[in-house]
Amino acid sequence: MVAARSRGDFLYILERDGEFHMFSHTPGAPGGGQKRFPKDEKHTAVIRRIADLSDSVYLVEFGGELDIYGVMYSAEEGILSMFPGDDRDGDAVVDFELPT
């Protein structure tokens, strides 16, 4: 899964069963959004463009048996604890890997 961060918002992108699953969330908000798109050339280009426009992009690796919402919550909390967003020069690309 890829977690893209732009300003204070997160967008999680997951490819599963030939579709892109996208989840959006603003930290502190009670809910978020979700959309699905076919994995085709058009939507693959959109995903690449999102990655280019984002402030930060993170790779989140996890076991398939884990709850996807729990994984996103844990990833978001980890990212915010390491990179609160007030020091752009101090931010870097980080790979998160949850034990399987």
Protein backbone atom coordinates (compact mmCIF):
# COMPACT_ATOMS: atom_id res chain seq x y z
CA MET A 1 0.00 0.00 0.00
CA VAL A 2 1.14 3.54 -0.69
CA ALA A 3 0.31 6.38 1.70
CA ALA A 4 0.46 9.80 0.07
CA ARG A 5 0.46 12.86 2.32
CA SER A 6 -0.42 16.33 1.13
CA ARG A 7 -0.63 19.08 3.70
CA GLY A 8 -2.59 17.46 6.53
CA ASP A 9 -4.46 14.85 4.50
CA PHE A 10 -3.61 11.23 3.77
CA LEU A 11 -4.55 9.17 0.73
CA TYR A 12 -4.00 5.42 0.89
CA ILE A 13 -3.76 3.54 -2.40
CA LEU A 14 -4.00 -0.23 -2.59
CA GLU A 15 -4.13 -2.50 -5.64
CA ARG A 16 -6.25 -5.60 -5.14
CA ASP A 17 -8.14 -7.88 -7.54
CA GLY A 18 -7.43 -5.70 -10.59
CA GLU A 19 -8.71 -2.51 -8.95
CA PHE A 20 -7.23 0.49 -7.19
CA HIS A 21 -8.79 1.02 -3.76
CA MET A 22 -8.31 4.53 -2.47
CA PHE A 23 -9.00 5.70 1.07
CA SER A 24 -8.73 9.33 2.20
CA HIS A 25 -8.47 10.61 5.75
CA THR A 26 -7.73 13.83 7.59
CA PRO A 27 -6.03 13.16 10.93
CA GLY A 28 -8.40 13.78 13.82
CA ALA A 29 -11.51 13.44 11.66
CA PRO A 30 -14.00 10.73 12.63
CA GLY A 31 -14.31 9.26 9.13
CA GLY A 32 -12.88 9.30 5.66
CA GLY A 33 -13.67 8.56 2.04
CA GLN A 34 -13.29 5.50 -0.14
CA LYS A 35 -13.35 4.92 -3.91
CA ARG A 36 -12.49 2.11 -6.32
CA PHE A 37 -11.20 2.38 -9.86
CA PRO A 38 -10.25 -0.23 -12.45
CA LYS A 39 -6.53 -0.80 -12.81
CA ASP A 40 -6.07 0.47 -16.35
CA GLU A 41 -3.73 2.89 -18.11
CA LYS A 42 -5.85 5.95 -17.35
CA HIS A 43 -6.12 5.32 -13.61
CA THR A 44 -2.51 4.15 -13.31
CA ALA A 45 -1.46 7.52 -14.76
CA VAL A 46 -3.69 9.29 -12.22
CA ILE A 47 -2.07 7.34 -9.37
CA ARG A 48 1.40 8.27 -10.60
CA ARG A 49 0.37 11.92 -10.83
CA ILE A 50 -0.95 11.85 -7.26
CA ALA A 51 2.41 10.54 -6.09
CA ASP A 52 4.19 13.35 -7.96
CA LEU A 53 1.94 16.05 -6.47
CA SER A 54 2.03 14.80 -2.88
CA ASP A 55 4.26 16.33 -0.24
CA SER A 56 5.40 12.88 0.93
CA VAL A 57 4.89 9.29 -0.16
CA TYR A 58 5.34 6.26 2.10
CA LEU A 59 5.31 2.52 1.46
CA VAL A 60 3.24 0.48 3.91
CA GLU A 61 3.83 -3.29 3.84
CA PHE A 62 1.55 -5.63 5.78
CA GLY A 63 0.24 -9.17 5.87
CA GLY A 64 -2.95 -9.81 3.92
CA GLU A 65 -4.72 -11.22 6.97
CA LEU A 66 -4.52 -7.89 8.82
CA ASP A 67 -7.46 -5.49 9.03
CA ILE A 68 -6.89 -2.80 6.39
CA TYR A 69 -8.37 -0.02 8.53
CA GLY A 70 -6.13 -0.97 11.45
CA VAL A 71 -3.12 -0.94 9.13
CA MET A 72 -4.00 2.54 7.84
CA TYR A 73 -4.54 3.85 11.38
CA SER A 74 -1.21 2.45 12.57
CA ALA A 75 0.64 3.78 9.52
CA GLU A 76 -0.88 7.22 9.91
CA GLU A 77 -0.04 7.42 13.62
CA GLY A 78 3.53 6.27 12.91
CA ILE A 79 4.00 8.81 10.13
CA LEU A 80 2.61 11.64 12.25
CA SER A 81 4.77 10.71 15.22
CA MET A 82 7.94 10.71 13.12
CA PHE A 83 7.04 13.54 10.74
CA PRO A 84 4.53 15.93 12.32
CA GLY A 85 4.69 18.11 9.21
CA ASP A 86 6.22 21.27 10.62
CA ASP A 87 9.77 20.61 9.31
CA ARG A 88 9.71 19.85 5.57
CA ASP A 89 13.52 19.78 5.36
CA GLY A 90 13.66 17.08 8.05
CA ASP A 91 11.17 14.78 6.31
CA ALA A 92 12.41 11.87 4.24
CA VAL A 93 11.07 8.76 2.56
CA VAL A 94 10.42 5.99 5.08
CA ASP A 95 9.36 2.38 4.49
CA PHE A 96 6.99 0.95 7.11
CA GLU A 97 6.86 -2.79 7.44
CA LEU A 98 4.53 -4.52 9.86
CA PRO A 99 5.55 -8.04 10.87
CA THR A 100 3.54 -10.78 9.22
